[in-house]
């Protein structure tokens, strides 16, 4: 398997975001600084893996499908708590993340956020 130790930015194609992809990125792209994606089939577990294994990740942009039901749009505060533990996040963009609460947003308040959308 090809490794990407020095890979720093990733914009995933539409619907390419899956837990398997996130676990692979988390395992091989420890220098990832920025990730952007929209839609896909993934859970908090994949996002937590990114937060825990990509220590310099400072920009995170995620757009979920507004037409998905609540059971498909099941991303919760869990990944935000993982990002908060590493305190590197500078840019956070969450679109149509209906299960994100004030608790999750408050958790990342300890990060040096320059942009929160």
C-alpha atoms as a PDB file:
ATOM      1  CA  UNK A   1       0.000   0.000   0.000  1.00  0.00           C
ATOM      2  CA  UNK A   2       1.175   3.476  -0.828  1.00  0.00           C
ATOM      3  CA  UNK A   3       1.793   5.643   2.231  1.00  0.00           C
ATOM      4  CA  UNK A   4       1.237   9.362   2.449  1.00  0.00           C
ATOM      5  CA  UNK A   5       3.222  10.459   5.473  1.00  0.00           C
ATOM      6  CA  UNK A   6       3.707  13.960   4.066  1.00  0.00           C
ATOM      7  CA  UNK A   7       0.221  14.411   2.647  1.00  0.00           C
ATOM      8  CA  UNK A   8      -1.163  17.666   4.035  1.00  0.00           C
ATOM      9  CA  UNK A   9      -4.480  18.487   2.325  1.00  0.00           C
ATOM     10  CA  UNK A  10      -7.390  16.372   1.192  1.00  0.00           C
ATOM     11  CA  UNK A  11     -10.632  17.274  -0.506  1.00  0.00           C
ATOM     12  CA  UNK A  12     -12.615  14.109  -0.887  1.00  0.00           C
ATOM     13  CA  UNK A  13     -14.832  13.695  -3.966  1.00  0.00           C
ATOM     14  CA  UNK A  14     -18.577  13.764  -3.376  1.00  0.00           C
ATOM     15  CA  UNK A  15     -19.861  10.608  -1.660  1.00  0.00           C
ATOM     16  CA  UNK A  16     -16.305   9.269  -1.242  1.00  0.00           C
ATOM     17  CA  UNK A  17     -16.297   9.925   2.495  1.00  0.00           C
ATOM     18  CA  UNK A  18     -16.593   6.604   4.342  1.00  0.00           C
ATOM     19  CA  UNK A  19     -15.294   5.252   7.624  1.00  0.00           C
ATOM     20  CA  UNK A  20     -12.888   3.023   5.678  1.00  0.00           C
ATOM     21  CA  UNK A  21     -11.431   6.065   3.890  1.00  0.00           C
ATOM     22  CA  UNK A  22     -11.167   8.021   7.159  1.00  0.00           C
ATOM     23  CA  UNK A  23      -9.480   5.097   8.941  1.00  0.00           C
ATOM     24  CA  UNK A  24      -6.987   4.802   6.071  1.00  0.00           C
ATOM     25  CA  UNK A  25      -6.256   8.532   6.119  1.00  0.00           C
ATOM     26  CA  UNK A  26      -5.871   8.415   9.911  1.00  0.00           C
ATOM     27  CA  UNK A  27      -3.428   5.537   9.625  1.00  0.00           C
ATOM     28  CA  UNK A  28      -1.281   6.940   6.808  1.00  0.00           C
ATOM     29  CA  UNK A  29      -1.618  10.748   6.744  1.00  0.00           C
ATOM     30  CA  UNK A  30      -0.319  11.954  10.092  1.00  0.00           C
ATOM     31  CA  UNK A  31       0.732  15.292   8.606  1.00  0.00           C
ATOM     32  CA  UNK A  32      -2.770  16.062   7.274  1.00  0.00           C
ATOM     33  CA  UNK A  33      -3.562  19.706   7.986  1.00  0.00           C
ATOM     34  CA  UNK A  34      -6.847  20.159   6.131  1.00  0.00           C
ATOM     35  CA  UNK A  35      -9.766  17.984   5.051  1.00  0.00           C
ATOM     36  CA  UNK A  36     -12.958  18.926   3.248  1.00  0.00           C
ATOM     37  CA  UNK A  37     -15.798  16.659   2.163  1.00  0.00           C
ATOM     38  CA  UNK A  38     -19.502  16.547   1.509  1.00  0.00           C
ATOM     39  CA  UNK A  39     -21.905  13.703   1.933  1.00  0.00           C
ATOM     40  CA  UNK A  40     -20.917  10.070   2.242  1.00  0.00           C
ATOM     41  CA  UNK A  41     -21.578   7.130   4.499  1.00  0.00           C
ATOM     42  CA  UNK A  42     -19.599   7.418   7.704  1.00  0.00           C
ATOM     43  CA  UNK A  43     -19.969   7.537  11.464  1.00  0.00           C
ATOM     44  CA  UNK A  44     -18.446   9.368  14.395  1.00  0.00           C
ATOM     45  CA  UNK A  45     -15.882   6.544  14.628  1.00  0.00           C
ATOM     46  CA  UNK A  46     -14.230   7.535  11.340  1.00  0.00           C
ATOM     47  CA  UNK A  47     -14.139  11.200  12.308  1.00  0.00           C
ATOM     48  CA  UNK A  48     -12.761  10.416  15.772  1.00  0.00           C
ATOM     49  CA  UNK A  49      -9.995   8.374  14.095  1.00  0.00           C
ATOM     50  CA  UNK A  50      -9.026  11.484  12.079  1.00  0.00           C
ATOM     51  CA  UNK A  51      -9.011  13.666  15.179  1.00  0.00           C
ATOM     52  CA  UNK A  52      -6.932  11.215  17.203  1.00  0.00           C
ATOM     53  CA  UNK A  53      -4.405  10.258  14.503  1.00  0.00           C
ATOM     54  CA  UNK A  54      -3.900  13.468  12.530  1.00  0.00           C
ATOM     55  CA  UNK A  55      -2.350  15.678  15.216  1.00  0.00           C
ATOM     56  CA  UNK A  56      -1.767  18.738  13.014  1.00  0.00           C
ATOM     57  CA  UNK A  57      -5.246  18.770  11.463  1.00  0.00           C
ATOM     58  CA  UNK A  58      -6.279  22.402  11.735  1.00  0.00           C
ATOM     59  CA  UNK A  59      -9.018  22.788   9.111  1.00  0.00           C
ATOM     60  CA  UNK A  60     -12.097  20.545   8.985  1.00  0.00           C
ATOM     61  CA  UNK A  61     -15.020  21.130   6.608  1.00  0.00           C
ATOM     62  CA  UNK A  62     -17.997  18.776   6.434  1.00  0.00           C
ATOM     63  CA  UNK A  63     -21.280  19.166   4.571  1.00  0.00           C
ATOM     64  CA  UNK A  64     -23.980  16.582   5.126  1.00  0.00           C
ATOM     65  CA  UNK A  65     -26.965  16.037   2.850  1.00  0.00           C
ATOM     66  CA  UNK A  66     -29.854  18.147   4.122  1.00  0.00           C
ATOM     67  CA  UNK A  67     -32.294  15.701   2.531  1.00  0.00           C
ATOM     68  CA  UNK A  68     -31.095  12.735   4.581  1.00  0.00           C
ATOM     69  CA  UNK A  69     -33.208  11.602   7.491  1.00  0.00           C
ATOM     70  CA  UNK A  70     -31.982  11.854  11.061  1.00  0.00           C
ATOM     71  CA  UNK A  71     -30.876   8.210  11.081  1.00  0.00           C
ATOM     72  CA  UNK A  72     -28.579   8.789   8.075  1.00  0.00           C
ATOM     73  CA  UNK A  73     -27.328  12.125   9.386  1.00  0.00           C
ATOM     74  CA  UNK A  74     -26.089  10.641  12.657  1.00  0.00           C
ATOM     75  CA  UNK A  75     -22.870  12.544  13.261  1.00  0.00           C
ATOM     76  CA  UNK A  76     -22.823  13.701  16.879  1.00  0.00           C
ATOM     77  CA  UNK A  77     -20.664  15.728  19.253  1.00  0.00           C
ATOM     78  CA  UNK A  78     -18.325  12.747  19.791  1.00  0.00           C
ATOM     79  CA  UNK A  79     -15.882  13.792  17.074  1.00  0.00           C
ATOM     80  CA  UNK A  80     -15.855  17.390  18.319  1.00  0.00           C
ATOM     81  CA  UNK A  81     -14.829  16.169  21.772  1.00  0.00           C
ATOM     82  CA  UNK A  82     -11.953  14.283  20.097  1.00  0.00           C
ATOM     83  CA  UNK A  83     -10.848  17.421  18.224  1.00  0.00           C
ATOM     84  CA  UNK A  84     -11.069  19.447  21.427  1.00  0.00           C
ATOM     85  CA  UNK A  85      -8.631  17.073  23.130  1.00  0.00           C
ATOM     86  CA  UNK A  86      -5.935  17.973  20.579  1.00  0.00           C
ATOM     87  CA  UNK A  87      -6.560  21.740  20.541  1.00  0.00           C
ATOM     88  CA  UNK A  88      -5.186  22.318  17.031  1.00  0.00           C
ATOM     89  CA  UNK A  89      -8.399  23.132  15.171  1.00  0.00           C
ATOM     90  CA  UNK A  90      -8.383  26.614  13.612  1.00  0.00           C
ATOM     91  CA  UNK A  91     -11.159  26.288  11.028  1.00  0.00           C
ATOM     92  CA  UNK A  92     -14.372  24.317  11.544  1.00  0.00           C
ATOM     93  CA  UNK A  93     -17.194  24.269   8.992  1.00  0.00           C
ATOM     94  CA  UNK A  94     -20.224  22.079   9.696  1.00  0.00           C
ATOM     95  CA  UNK A  95     -23.160  22.224   7.297  1.00  0.00           C
ATOM     96  CA  UNK A  96     -26.453  20.380   7.898  1.00  0.00           C
ATOM     97  CA  UNK A  97     -25.089  18.553  10.942  1.00  0.00           C
ATOM     98  CA  UNK A  98     -28.403  18.380  12.765  1.00  0.00           C
ATOM     99  CA  UNK A  99     -27.179  16.321  15.721  1.00  0.00           C
ATOM    100  CA  UNK A 100     -24.368  18.674  16.733  1.00  0.00           C
ATOM    101  CA  UNK A 101     -25.296  20.389  19.992  1.00  0.00           C
ATOM    102  CA  UNK A 102     -24.102  23.365  21.985  1.00  0.00           C
ATOM    103  CA  UNK A 103     -22.040  20.930  24.086  1.00  0.00           C
ATOM    104  CA  UNK A 104     -19.989  19.915  21.050  1.00  0.00           C
ATOM    105  CA  UNK A 105     -19.447  23.486  19.937  1.00  0.00           C
ATOM    106  CA  UNK A 106     -18.513  24.479  23.487  1.00  0.00           C
ATOM    107  CA  UNK A 107     -15.975  21.650  23.606  1.00  0.00           C
ATOM    108  CA  UNK A 108     -14.015  23.056  20.647  1.00  0.00           C
ATOM    109  CA  UNK A 109     -14.037  26.529  22.197  1.00  0.00           C
ATOM    110  CA  UNK A 110     -10.669  25.599  23.723  1.00  0.00           C
ATOM    111  CA  UNK A 111      -9.233  25.352  20.197  1.00  0.00           C
ATOM    112  CA  UNK A 112      -7.643  28.370  18.519  1.00  0.00           C
ATOM    113  CA  UNK A 113     -10.608  28.732  16.135  1.00  0.00           C
ATOM    114  CA  UNK A 114     -10.326  31.568  13.635  1.00  0.00           C
ATOM    115  CA  UNK A 115     -13.413  30.447  11.713  1.00  0.00           C
ATOM    116  CA  UNK A 116     -16.497  28.611  12.901  1.00  0.00           C
ATOM    117  CA  UNK A 117     -19.370  28.097  10.510  1.00  0.00           C
END
